[in-house]
Amino acid sequence: MKPFHEMSNVELLTLLIGKQSAGNLGARSLLELFGFSVTRNGLATGEAIASYPLHPSLLAAKELIARCFQERMESGEVLSSPGIVKQFLCSKIGSLEHEVFWCLWLDNRHRLIAAEELFRGTLSQASVYPREIVKRALAVNAAAIILAHNHPSGETEPSTSDIQLTHTIKSAVALVDVRVLDHFVVGGTDAISFAERGLL
């Protein structure tokens, strides 16, 4: 067998889903096959409204990749490898068709305690309640937090309300000695960091 890095996409897909399925799906982009960038009417959307059923083996592979990123964050690579955080968030929420708000709870050594969706919204917004974030931070005994939400449109530029909300949450959790380390806006396979932009 050839080394994996020398194989074509179709050859690699054959190992995962069989020759017939790989032949049928091989012309599609990998982003689409793994549910990262299913397109309809020019918008990045999620696996729920794909124009064809996404193969369970590919979805399983995508979930395993996300869990790999999560394990790396649990071992302490959250701040030393911000790219890992971006990749994890893109794999989990980048292609959803509705807006969600996630919190990554960290201990005092900035290792991941948990990553979870706290709020779910519509195509264009999600209602976020800082009081609930404070309650959850205390419940998981977090020392720090990374915020994240997606833009189903694929646009990663933060809005004025995104920036205001971040500062409101930062003030609220500071009252219980929890630091906001970053806020990521995710769109498709891209994400921007408030910390990198100097918005915190």
N, C-alpha and C. Protein backbone atom coordinates (compact mmCIF):
# COMPACT_ATOMS: atom_id res chain seq x y z
N MET A 1 0.85 -1.19 0.00
CA MET A 1 0.00 0.00 0.00
C MET A 1 0.89 1.25 0.00
N LYS A 2 0.46 2.26 -0.77
CA LYS A 2 1.21 3.51 -0.82
C LYS A 2 1.14 4.22 0.52
N PRO A 3 2.14 5.06 0.84
CA PRO A 3 2.03 5.91 2.04
C PRO A 3 0.81 6.84 1.91
N PHE A 4 0.17 7.14 3.02
CA PHE A 4 -1.04 7.96 2.99
C PHE A 4 -0.82 9.30 2.28
N HIS A 5 0.34 9.92 2.51
CA HIS A 5 0.56 11.25 1.93
C HIS A 5 0.69 11.21 0.41
N GLU A 6 0.89 10.02 -0.15
CA GLU A 6 0.98 9.89 -1.61
C GLU A 6 -0.35 9.49 -2.25
N MET A 7 -1.35 9.20 -1.43
CA MET A 7 -2.65 8.77 -1.95
C MET A 7 -3.50 9.97 -2.36
N SER A 8 -4.33 9.75 -3.37
CA SER A 8 -5.30 10.77 -3.78
C SER A 8 -6.44 10.82 -2.77
N ASN A 9 -7.26 11.85 -2.85
CA ASN A 9 -8.43 11.94 -1.97
C ASN A 9 -9.33 10.71 -2.12
N VAL A 10 -9.55 10.29 -3.37
CA VAL A 10 -10.43 9.14 -3.61
C VAL A 10 -9.85 7.88 -2.98
N GLU A 11 -8.53 7.70 -3.09
CA GLU A 11 -7.90 6.52 -2.48
C GLU A 11 -8.05 6.52 -0.97
N LEU A 12 -7.87 7.69 -0.36
CA LEU A 12 -8.03 7.79 1.09
C LEU A 12 -9.48 7.57 1.50
N LEU A 13 -10.40 8.16 0.73
CA LEU A 13 -11.82 7.96 1.02
C LEU A 13 -12.21 6.50 0.89
N THR A 14 -11.60 5.79 -0.05
CA THR A 14 -11.89 4.36 -0.23
C THR A 14 -11.59 3.58 1.03
N LEU A 15 -10.51 3.93 1.71
CA LEU A 15 -10.15 3.25 2.96
C LEU A 15 -11.19 3.49 4.05
N LEU A 16 -11.83 4.67 4.00
CA LEU A 16 -12.81 5.03 5.03
C LEU A 16 -14.22 4.53 4.73
N ILE A 17 -14.63 4.65 3.46
CA ILE A 17 -16.05 4.41 3.16
C ILE A 17 -16.28 3.40 2.04
N GLY A 18 -15.22 2.80 1.53
CA GLY A 18 -15.38 1.81 0.47
C GLY A 18 -15.28 2.42 -0.92
N LYS A 19 -14.99 1.55 -1.89
CA LYS A 19 -14.70 2.02 -3.25
C LYS A 19 -15.91 2.67 -3.92
N GLN A 20 -17.10 2.06 -3.77
CA GLN A 20 -18.27 2.60 -4.46
C GLN A 20 -18.65 3.98 -3.92
N SER A 21 -18.71 4.12 -2.59
CA SER A 21 -19.06 5.41 -2.00
C SER A 21 -18.00 6.46 -2.33
N ALA A 22 -16.73 6.05 -2.29
CA ALA A 22 -15.66 6.99 -2.61
C ALA A 22 -15.76 7.45 -4.05
N GLY A 23 -16.10 6.53 -4.96
CA GLY A 23 -16.27 6.90 -6.37
C GLY A 23 -17.41 7.87 -6.56
N ASN A 24 -18.49 7.68 -5.81
CA ASN A 24 -19.65 8.56 -5.93
C ASN A 24 -19.39 9.95 -5.34
N LEU A 25 -18.59 10.02 -4.29
CA LEU A 25 -18.40 11.29 -3.57
C LEU A 25 -17.07 11.95 -3.87
N GLY A 26 -16.18 11.27 -4.56
CA GLY A 26 -14.82 11.75 -4.75
C GLY A 26 -14.69 13.09 -5.44
N ALA A 27 -15.68 13.50 -6.22
CA ALA A 27 -15.60 14.77 -6.93
C ALA A 27 -15.93 15.97 -6.03
N ARG A 28 -16.52 15.71 -4.87
CA ARG A 28 -16.89 16.79 -3.96
C ARG A 28 -15.66 17.25 -3.17
N SER A 29 -15.71 18.50 -2.71
CA SER A 29 -14.59 19.01 -1.91
C SER A 29 -14.57 18.32 -0.55
N LEU A 30 -13.39 18.23 0.04
CA LEU A 30 -13.27 17.62 1.37
C LEU A 30 -14.03 18.42 2.41
N LEU A 31 -14.05 19.74 2.26
CA LEU A 31 -14.80 20.57 3.20
C LEU A 31 -16.28 20.19 3.20
N GLU A 32 -16.81 19.93 2.02
CA GLU A 32 -18.21 19.54 1.91
C GLU A 32 -18.42 18.12 2.43
N LEU A 33 -17.51 17.21 2.07
CA LEU A 33 -17.66 15.81 2.48
C LEU A 33 -17.68 15.64 4.00
N PHE A 34 -16.89 16.46 4.69
CA PHE A 34 -16.81 16.34 6.15
C PHE A 34 -17.77 17.28 6.86
N GLY A 35 -18.64 17.96 6.10
CA GLY A 35 -19.65 18.80 6.72
C GLY A 35 -19.13 20.13 7.23
N PHE A 36 -17.97 20.56 6.75
CA PHE A 36 -17.43 21.86 7.17
C PHE A 36 -18.00 23.00 6.34
N SER A 37 -18.33 22.73 5.09
CA SER A 37 -18.71 23.83 4.20
C SER A 37 -19.70 23.35 3.15
N VAL A 38 -20.84 22.87 3.60
CA VAL A 38 -21.91 22.50 2.67
C VAL A 38 -22.53 23.79 2.19
N THR A 39 -22.63 23.99 0.87
CA THR A 39 -23.13 25.27 0.39
C THR A 39 -24.49 25.13 -0.25
N ARG A 40 -25.29 26.15 0.00
CA ARG A 40 -26.58 26.28 -0.65
C ARG A 40 -26.89 27.78 -0.69
N ASN A 41 -27.18 28.28 -1.87
CA ASN A 41 -27.45 29.71 -2.05
C ASN A 41 -26.30 30.58 -1.56
N GLY A 42 -25.06 30.04 -1.68
CA GLY A 42 -23.90 30.86 -1.37
C GLY A 42 -23.58 30.96 0.10
N LEU A 43 -24.34 30.31 0.98
CA LEU A 43 -24.07 30.41 2.41
C LEU A 43 -23.47 29.11 2.91
N ALA A 44 -22.53 29.23 3.84
CA ALA A 44 -22.01 28.04 4.50
C ALA A 44 -23.06 27.54 5.47
N THR A 45 -23.39 26.28 5.38
CA THR A 45 -24.43 25.74 6.25
C THR A 45 -23.98 24.44 6.86
N GLY A 46 -24.83 23.82 7.62
CA GLY A 46 -24.45 22.64 8.37
C GLY A 46 -24.92 21.35 7.75
N GLU A 47 -24.53 20.26 8.41
CA GLU A 47 -24.80 18.95 7.85
C GLU A 47 -26.28 18.63 7.78
N ALA A 48 -27.12 19.32 8.58
CA ALA A 48 -28.54 18.99 8.64
C ALA A 48 -29.26 19.24 7.32
N ILE A 49 -28.77 20.21 6.51
CA ILE A 49 -29.48 20.50 5.27
C ILE A 49 -28.61 20.25 4.04
N ALA A 50 -27.68 19.31 4.18
CA ALA A 50 -26.85 18.97 3.03
C ALA A 50 -27.73 18.48 1.89
N SER A 51 -27.26 18.69 0.66
CA SER A 51 -28.03 18.27 -0.49
C SER A 51 -27.95 16.76 -0.71
N TYR A 52 -27.15 16.07 0.07
CA TYR A 52 -27.06 14.61 0.03
C TYR A 52 -26.72 14.17 1.46
N PRO A 53 -27.01 12.90 1.80
CA PRO A 53 -26.70 12.45 3.16
C PRO A 53 -25.20 12.35 3.36
N LEU A 54 -24.68 12.98 4.41
CA LEU A 54 -23.26 12.87 4.69
C LEU A 54 -22.97 11.47 5.22
N HIS A 55 -21.87 10.90 4.77
CA HIS A 55 -21.55 9.51 5.12
C HIS A 55 -21.22 9.40 6.61
N PRO A 56 -21.84 8.46 7.32
CA PRO A 56 -21.60 8.33 8.77
C PRO A 56 -20.13 8.14 9.12
N SER A 57 -19.38 7.43 8.29
CA SER A 57 -17.96 7.22 8.58
C SER A 57 -17.18 8.53 8.54
N LEU A 58 -17.56 9.41 7.62
CA LEU A 58 -16.87 10.70 7.53
C LEU A 58 -17.25 11.60 8.70
N LEU A 59 -18.52 11.56 9.11
CA LEU A 59 -18.93 12.33 10.28
C LEU A 59 -18.24 11.80 11.54
N ALA A 60 -18.08 10.48 11.61
CA ALA A 60 -17.37 9.88 12.75
C ALA A 60 -15.91 10.33 12.76
N ALA A 61 -15.29 10.37 11.57
CA ALA A 61 -13.90 10.82 11.48
C ALA A 61 -13.77 12.28 11.91
N LYS A 62 -14.72 13.10 11.50
CA LYS A 62 -14.73 14.52 11.89
C LYS A 62 -14.84 14.65 13.40
N GLU A 63 -15.73 13.88 14.01
CA GLU A 63 -15.90 13.93 15.47
C GLU A 63 -14.63 13.47 16.18
N LEU A 64 -13.96 12.45 15.67
CA LEU A 64 -12.71 11.99 16.27
C LEU A 64 -11.63 13.07 16.20
N ILE A 65 -11.59 13.79 15.08
CA ILE A 65 -10.62 14.88 14.94
C ILE A 65 -10.90 15.96 15.99
N ALA A 66 -12.18 16.33 16.15
CA ALA A 66 -12.55 17.34 17.16
C ALA A 66 -12.16 16.87 18.56
N ARG A 67 -12.35 15.59 18.83
CA ARG A 67 -11.99 15.05 20.15
C ARG A 67 -10.48 15.05 20.35
N CYS A 68 -9.74 14.85 19.27
CA CYS A 68 -8.28 14.92 19.34
C CYS A 68 -7.85 16.33 19.76
N PHE A 69 -8.45 17.35 19.12
CA PHE A 69 -8.14 18.73 19.50
C PHE A 69 -8.50 18.98 20.96
N GLN A 70 -9.65 18.44 21.39
CA GLN A 70 -10.10 18.63 22.77
C GLN A 70 -9.11 17.99 23.75
N GLU A 71 -8.61 16.80 23.44
CA GLU A 71 -7.62 16.16 24.31
C GLU A 71 -6.36 17.00 24.43
N ARG A 72 -5.95 17.60 23.32
CA ARG A 72 -4.75 18.45 23.38
C ARG A 72 -4.99 19.66 24.26
N MET A 73 -6.18 20.22 24.22
CA MET A 73 -6.49 21.36 25.09
C MET A 73 -6.56 20.93 26.55
N GLU A 74 -7.05 19.73 26.81
CA GLU A 74 -7.12 19.22 28.18
C GLU A 74 -5.73 18.98 28.76
N SER A 75 -4.75 18.77 27.89
CA SER A 75 -3.39 18.53 28.37
C SER A 75 -2.62 19.82 28.58
N GLY A 76 -3.24 20.96 28.31
CA GLY A 76 -2.62 22.24 28.61
C GLY A 76 -2.17 23.04 27.42
N GLU A 77 -2.66 22.75 26.23
CA GLU A 77 -2.21 23.46 25.03
C GLU A 77 -3.17 24.56 24.59
N VAL A 78 -3.98 25.07 25.52
CA VAL A 78 -4.96 26.07 25.12
C VAL A 78 -4.30 27.38 24.72
N LEU A 79 -3.44 27.91 25.59
CA LEU A 79 -2.82 29.20 25.28
C LEU A 79 -1.56 29.06 24.46
N SER A 80 -0.84 27.93 24.61
CA SER A 80 0.39 27.76 23.84
C SER A 80 0.11 27.45 22.38
N SER A 81 -1.10 26.95 22.07
CA SER A 81 -1.47 26.61 20.70
C SER A 81 -2.86 27.13 20.37
N PRO A 82 -2.99 28.46 20.15
CA PRO A 82 -4.32 28.99 19.83
C PRO A 82 -4.90 28.40 18.55
N GLY A 83 -4.04 27.92 17.67
CA GLY A 83 -4.53 27.28 16.45
C GLY A 83 -5.35 26.04 16.74
N ILE A 84 -4.98 25.31 17.80
CA ILE A 84 -5.74 24.11 18.19
C ILE A 84 -7.15 24.52 18.60
N VAL A 85 -7.27 25.62 19.34
CA VAL A 85 -8.59 26.10 19.78
C VAL A 85 -9.42 26.47 18.55
N LYS A 86 -8.82 27.17 17.61
CA LYS A 86 -9.55 27.55 16.39
C LYS A 86 -10.00 26.33 15.62
N GLN A 87 -9.11 25.34 15.47
CA GLN A 87 -9.47 24.14 14.72
C GLN A 87 -10.59 23.38 15.41
N PHE A 88 -10.52 23.30 16.73
CA PHE A 88 -11.58 22.62 17.49
C PHE A 88 -12.92 23.32 17.28
N LEU A 89 -12.93 24.65 17.42
CA LEU A 89 -14.18 25.40 17.28
C LEU A 89 -14.73 25.31 15.86
N CYS A 90 -13.87 25.39 14.86
CA CYS A 90 -14.34 25.28 13.47
C CYS A 90 -14.96 23.91 13.23
N SER A 91 -14.36 22.87 13.81
CA SER A 91 -14.89 21.52 13.60
C SER A 91 -16.21 21.31 14.32
N LYS A 92 -16.45 22.03 15.41
CA LYS A 92 -17.66 21.83 16.19
C LYS A 92 -18.80 22.76 15.77
N ILE A 93 -18.50 24.03 15.48
CA ILE A 93 -19.59 25.00 15.26
C ILE A 93 -19.47 25.79 13.96
N GLY A 94 -18.40 25.57 13.20
CA GLY A 94 -18.16 26.40 12.03
C GLY A 94 -19.21 26.31 10.94
N SER A 95 -19.85 25.14 10.81
CA SER A 95 -20.78 24.97 9.69
C SER A 95 -22.24 24.86 10.13
N LEU A 96 -22.53 25.22 11.36
CA LEU A 96 -23.92 25.16 11.82
C LEU A 96 -24.76 26.21 11.11
N GLU A 97 -26.04 25.90 10.92
CA GLU A 97 -26.94 26.84 10.24
C GLU A 97 -27.65 27.77 11.22
N HIS A 98 -27.37 27.62 12.50
CA HIS A 98 -27.95 28.51 13.51
C HIS A 98 -26.81 28.99 14.40
N GLU A 99 -27.02 30.11 15.08
CA GLU A 99 -25.97 30.67 15.92
C GLU A 99 -25.97 29.98 17.28
N VAL A 100 -24.77 29.68 17.77
CA VAL A 100 -24.60 29.09 19.09
C VAL A 100 -23.52 29.87 19.83
N PHE A 101 -23.57 29.79 21.15
CA PHE A 101 -22.57 30.45 22.00
C PHE A 101 -21.96 29.40 22.89
N TRP A 102 -20.64 29.23 22.78
CA TRP A 102 -19.91 28.22 23.53
C TRP A 102 -19.00 28.85 24.57
N CYS A 103 -18.73 28.09 25.62
CA CYS A 103 -17.75 28.48 26.61
C CYS A 103 -16.75 27.34 26.79
N LEU A 104 -15.48 27.68 26.78
CA LEU A 104 -14.41 26.74 27.09
C LEU A 104 -13.91 27.10 28.47
N TRP A 105 -14.19 26.22 29.44
CA TRP A 105 -13.85 26.47 30.84
C TRP A 105 -12.45 25.94 31.11
N LEU A 106 -11.61 26.76 31.75
CA LEU A 106 -10.22 26.41 31.98
C LEU A 106 -9.89 26.46 33.47
N ASP A 107 -8.92 25.62 33.88
CA ASP A 107 -8.47 25.66 35.27
C ASP A 107 -7.40 26.74 35.42
N ASN A 108 -6.78 26.80 36.60
CA ASN A 108 -5.81 27.88 36.84
C ASN A 108 -4.49 27.69 36.09
N ARG A 109 -4.30 26.52 35.46
CA ARG A 109 -3.14 26.31 34.60
C ARG A 109 -3.54 26.37 33.12
N HIS A 110 -4.74 26.84 32.88
CA HIS A 110 -5.29 27.02 31.54
C HIS A 110 -5.44 25.72 30.77
N ARG A 111 -5.70 24.63 31.50
CA ARG A 111 -6.07 23.37 30.88
C ARG A 111 -7.60 23.33 30.77
N LEU A 112 -8.07 22.70 29.72
CA LEU A 112 -9.51 22.65 29.49
C LEU A 112 -10.20 21.76 30.52
N ILE A 113 -11.22 22.32 31.17
CA ILE A 113 -12.09 21.54 32.06
C ILE A 113 -13.24 20.96 31.24
N ALA A 114 -13.87 21.83 30.45
CA ALA A 114 -15.00 21.41 29.62
C ALA A 114 -15.20 22.44 28.52
N ALA A 115 -15.79 21.99 27.42
CA ALA A 115 -16.18 22.86 26.31
C ALA A 115 -17.63 22.56 26.03
N GLU A 116 -18.48 23.59 26.10
CA GLU A 116 -19.91 23.31 25.97
C GLU A 116 -20.68 24.47 25.37
N GLU A 117 -21.76 24.10 24.73
CA GLU A 117 -22.71 25.08 24.20
C GLU A 117 -23.60 25.54 25.35
N LEU A 118 -23.66 26.86 25.55
CA LEU A 118 -24.52 27.40 26.61
C LEU A 118 -25.81 27.98 26.07
N PHE A 119 -25.74 28.55 24.86
CA PHE A 119 -26.91 29.20 24.30
C PHE A 119 -27.03 28.86 22.82
N ARG A 120 -28.27 28.71 22.35
CA ARG A 120 -28.55 28.41 20.95
C ARG A 120 -29.56 29.42 20.45
N GLY A 121 -29.35 29.90 19.22
CA GLY A 121 -30.23 30.91 18.68
C GLY A 121 -30.75 30.58 17.30
N THR A 122 -30.93 31.62 16.53
CA THR A 122 -31.49 31.52 15.19
C THR A 122 -30.38 31.69 14.16
N LEU A 123 -30.77 31.92 12.93
CA LEU A 123 -29.81 32.12 11.84
C LEU A 123 -28.90 33.31 12.09
N SER A 124 -29.40 34.34 12.79
CA SER A 124 -28.63 35.57 12.90
C SER A 124 -28.28 36.00 14.32
N GLN A 125 -28.83 35.35 15.34
CA GLN A 125 -28.49 35.78 16.69
C GLN A 125 -28.80 34.70 17.71
N ALA A 126 -28.13 34.82 18.86
CA ALA A 126 -28.40 33.95 20.01
C ALA A 126 -28.46 34.85 21.23
N SER A 127 -29.45 34.66 22.07
CA SER A 127 -29.55 35.42 23.31
C SER A 127 -28.57 34.83 24.32
N VAL A 128 -27.73 35.69 24.87
CA VAL A 128 -26.70 35.27 25.82
C VAL A 128 -26.94 35.99 27.13
N TYR A 129 -26.89 35.23 28.24
CA TYR A 129 -27.17 35.78 29.56
C TYR A 129 -25.93 35.67 30.44
N PRO A 130 -25.25 36.80 30.71
CA PRO A 130 -24.03 36.76 31.53
C PRO A 130 -24.23 36.10 32.89
N ARG A 131 -25.40 36.26 33.50
CA ARG A 131 -25.67 35.65 34.80
C ARG A 131 -25.52 34.13 34.72
N GLU A 132 -26.00 33.52 33.64
CA GLU A 132 -25.90 32.07 33.48
C GLU A 132 -24.44 31.64 33.29
N ILE A 133 -23.66 32.49 32.63
CA ILE A 133 -22.23 32.19 32.45
C ILE A 133 -21.52 32.20 33.79
N VAL A 134 -21.84 33.19 34.63
CA VAL A 134 -21.24 33.26 35.98
C VAL A 134 -21.61 32.02 36.79
N LYS A 135 -22.89 31.62 36.74
CA LYS A 135 -23.33 30.44 37.49
C LYS A 135 -22.58 29.19 37.03
N ARG A 136 -22.43 29.04 35.73
CA ARG A 136 -21.76 27.85 35.20
C ARG A 136 -20.27 27.87 35.53
N ALA A 137 -19.65 29.05 35.49
CA ALA A 137 -18.23 29.17 35.84
C ALA A 137 -17.99 28.70 37.27
N LEU A 138 -18.88 29.07 38.17
CA LEU A 138 -18.76 28.63 39.56
C LEU A 138 -19.01 27.13 39.68
N ALA A 139 -19.97 26.62 38.93
CA ALA A 139 -20.31 25.19 39.01
C ALA A 139 -19.16 24.30 38.57
N VAL A 140 -18.40 24.73 37.54
CA VAL A 140 -17.29 23.90 37.06
C VAL A 140 -15.96 24.29 37.69
N ASN A 141 -16.00 25.29 38.58
CA ASN A 141 -14.80 25.76 39.28
C ASN A 141 -13.74 26.27 38.31
N ALA A 142 -14.19 27.07 37.35
CA ALA A 142 -13.27 27.60 36.34
C ALA A 142 -12.49 28.79 36.87
N ALA A 143 -11.25 28.90 36.42
CA ALA A 143 -10.42 30.05 36.73
C ALA A 143 -10.38 31.03 35.56
N ALA A 144 -10.68 30.50 34.37
CA ALA A 144 -10.65 31.33 33.16
C ALA A 144 -11.63 30.75 32.15
N ILE A 145 -11.91 31.56 31.14
CA ILE A 145 -12.90 31.16 30.15
C ILE A 145 -12.50 31.69 28.78
N ILE A 146 -12.78 30.90 27.77
CA ILE A 146 -12.69 31.36 26.38
C ILE A 146 -14.10 31.30 25.82
N LEU A 147 -14.55 32.40 25.27
CA LEU A 147 -15.89 32.50 24.68
C LEU A 147 -15.79 32.22 23.19
N ALA A 148 -16.87 31.73 22.63
CA ALA A 148 -16.90 31.50 21.18
C ALA A 148 -18.33 31.49 20.69
N HIS A 149 -18.53 32.06 19.52
CA HIS A 149 -19.83 31.91 18.85
C HIS A 149 -19.59 31.90 17.34
N ASN A 150 -20.57 31.38 16.63
CA ASN A 150 -20.44 31.27 15.18
C ASN A 150 -21.33 32.28 14.48
N HIS A 151 -20.95 32.59 13.26
CA HIS A 151 -21.78 33.38 12.35
C HIS A 151 -22.15 32.46 11.19
N PRO A 152 -23.40 32.00 11.11
CA PRO A 152 -23.79 31.09 10.04
C PRO A 152 -23.54 31.64 8.63
N SER A 153 -23.45 32.95 8.51
CA SER A 153 -23.18 33.54 7.20
C SER A 153 -21.76 33.25 6.72
N GLY A 154 -20.89 32.84 7.64
CA GLY A 154 -19.49 32.61 7.29
C GLY A 154 -18.62 33.83 7.52
N GLU A 155 -19.23 34.97 7.79
CA GLU A 155 -18.51 36.22 8.05
C GLU A 155 -17.96 36.18 9.48
N THR A 156 -16.66 36.40 9.64
CA THR A 156 -16.05 36.30 10.96
C THR A 156 -15.81 37.66 11.63
N GLU A 157 -16.10 38.73 10.94
CA GLU A 157 -15.87 40.06 11.53
C GLU A 157 -16.82 40.26 12.70
N PRO A 158 -16.29 40.59 13.90
CA PRO A 158 -17.18 40.79 15.05
C PRO A 158 -18.01 42.06 14.91
N SER A 159 -19.25 41.97 15.35
CA SER A 159 -20.14 43.13 15.32
C SER A 159 -19.91 43.98 16.57
N THR A 160 -20.47 45.17 16.56
CA THR A 160 -20.41 46.05 17.74
C THR A 160 -21.06 45.38 18.93
N SER A 161 -22.17 44.69 18.71
CA SER A 161 -22.85 44.01 19.81
C SER A 161 -22.01 42.84 20.33
N ASP A 162 -21.24 42.17 19.46
CA ASP A 162 -20.33 41.12 19.91
C ASP A 162 -19.29 41.68 20.87
N ILE A 163 -18.75 42.83 20.52
CA ILE A 163 -17.72 43.46 21.35
C ILE A 163 -18.32 43.92 22.69
N GLN A 164 -19.50 44.53 22.64
CA GLN A 164 -20.15 44.97 23.88
C GLN A 164 -20.48 43.81 24.79
N LEU A 165 -21.00 42.72 24.21
CA LEU A 165 -21.33 41.54 25.00
C LEU A 165 -20.09 40.96 25.68
N THR A 166 -18.99 40.93 24.95
CA THR A 166 -17.75 40.40 25.51
C THR A 166 -17.33 41.19 26.73
N HIS A 167 -17.40 42.50 26.66
CA HIS A 167 -17.01 43.34 27.79
C HIS A 167 -17.98 43.18 28.97
N THR A 168 -19.26 42.99 28.67
CA THR A 168 -20.25 42.75 29.73
C THR A 168 -19.95 41.44 30.46
N ILE A 169 -19.66 40.39 29.69
CA ILE A 169 -19.34 39.10 30.29
C ILE A 169 -18.03 39.19 31.07
N LYS A 170 -17.06 39.87 30.51
CA LYS A 170 -15.77 40.02 31.18
C LYS A 170 -15.94 40.68 32.55
N SER A 171 -16.76 41.72 32.61
CA SER A 171 -17.02 42.41 33.88
C SER A 171 -17.78 41.51 34.85
N ALA A 172 -18.74 40.74 34.34
CA ALA A 172 -19.56 39.89 35.20
C ALA A 172 -18.74 38.77 35.83
N VAL A 173 -17.91 38.09 35.03
CA VAL A 173 -17.14 36.97 35.59
C VAL A 173 -15.97 37.45 36.44
N ALA A 174 -15.51 38.68 36.21
CA ALA A 174 -14.43 39.22 37.04
C ALA A 174 -14.85 39.33 38.50
N LEU A 175 -16.15 39.50 38.75
CA LEU A 175 -16.67 39.60 40.12
C LEU A 175 -16.46 38.30 40.90
N VAL A 176 -16.30 37.18 40.19
CA VAL A 176 -16.05 35.90 40.86
C VAL A 176 -14.65 35.37 40.50
N ASP A 177 -13.74 36.29 40.16
CA ASP A 177 -12.34 35.98 39.90
C ASP A 177 -12.12 35.00 38.75
N VAL A 178 -12.90 35.15 37.69
CA VAL A 178 -12.72 34.36 36.47
C VAL A 178 -12.31 35.32 35.36
N ARG A 179 -11.26 34.97 34.64
CA ARG A 179 -10.76 35.83 33.56
C ARG A 179 -11.26 35.37 32.20
N VAL A 180 -11.63 36.32 31.36
CA VAL A 180 -11.92 36.02 29.96
C VAL A 180 -10.62 36.14 29.19
N LEU A 181 -10.15 35.03 28.64
CA LEU A 181 -8.88 35.02 27.94
C LEU A 181 -9.02 35.37 26.46
N ASP A 182 -10.18 35.03 25.88
CA ASP A 182 -10.36 35.29 24.46
C ASP A 182 -11.83 35.10 24.10
N HIS A 183 -12.18 35.57 22.94
CA HIS A 183 -13.50 35.34 22.35
C HIS A 183 -13.26 35.11 20.86
N PHE A 184 -13.71 33.98 20.37
CA PHE A 184 -13.55 33.64 18.96
C PHE A 184 -14.88 33.77 18.23
N VAL A 185 -14.82 34.38 17.05
CA VAL A 185 -15.97 34.39 16.15
C VAL A 185 -15.63 33.42 15.02
N VAL A 186 -16.49 32.42 14.84
CA VAL A 186 -16.21 31.33 13.91
C VAL A 186 -17.17 31.40 12.73
N GLY A 187 -16.61 31.23 11.53
CA GLY A 187 -17.43 31.17 10.32
C GLY A 187 -16.84 30.16 9.37
N GLY A 188 -17.50 29.04 9.18
CA GLY A 188 -16.96 28.01 8.30
C GLY A 188 -15.67 27.45 8.85
N THR A 189 -14.60 27.52 8.08
CA THR A 189 -13.30 26.99 8.51
C THR A 189 -12.37 28.10 8.98
N ASP A 190 -12.92 29.26 9.26
CA ASP A 190 -12.10 30.39 9.71
C ASP A 190 -12.61 30.88 11.05
N ALA A 191 -11.74 31.49 11.82
CA ALA A 191 -12.12 32.05 13.11
C ALA A 191 -11.20 33.23 13.41
N ILE A 192 -11.74 34.26 14.04
CA ILE A 192 -10.91 35.38 14.47
C ILE A 192 -10.91 35.43 15.99
N SER A 193 -9.81 35.93 16.53
CA SER A 193 -9.59 36.02 17.97
C SER A 193 -9.65 37.46 18.43
N PHE A 194 -10.48 37.73 19.44
CA PHE A 194 -10.54 39.08 20.01
C PHE A 194 -9.20 39.46 20.61
N ALA A 195 -8.52 38.51 21.26
CA ALA A 195 -7.23 38.80 21.89
C ALA A 195 -6.21 39.22 20.83
N GLU A 196 -6.19 38.51 19.71
CA GLU A 196 -5.24 38.87 18.64
C GLU A 196 -5.56 40.22 18.02
N ARG A 197 -6.85 40.59 18.03
CA ARG A 197 -7.28 41.87 17.47
C ARG A 197 -7.15 43.01 18.48
N GLY A 198 -6.82 42.71 19.73
CA GLY A 198 -6.74 43.74 20.76
C GLY A 198 -8.10 44.25 21.21
N LEU A 199 -9.12 43.40 21.11
CA LEU A 199 -10.49 43.81 21.44
C LEU A 199 -10.90 43.47 22.87
N LEU A 200 -10.00 42.86 23.63
CA LEU A 200 -10.31 42.54 25.01
C LEU A 200 -9.81 43.64 25.93
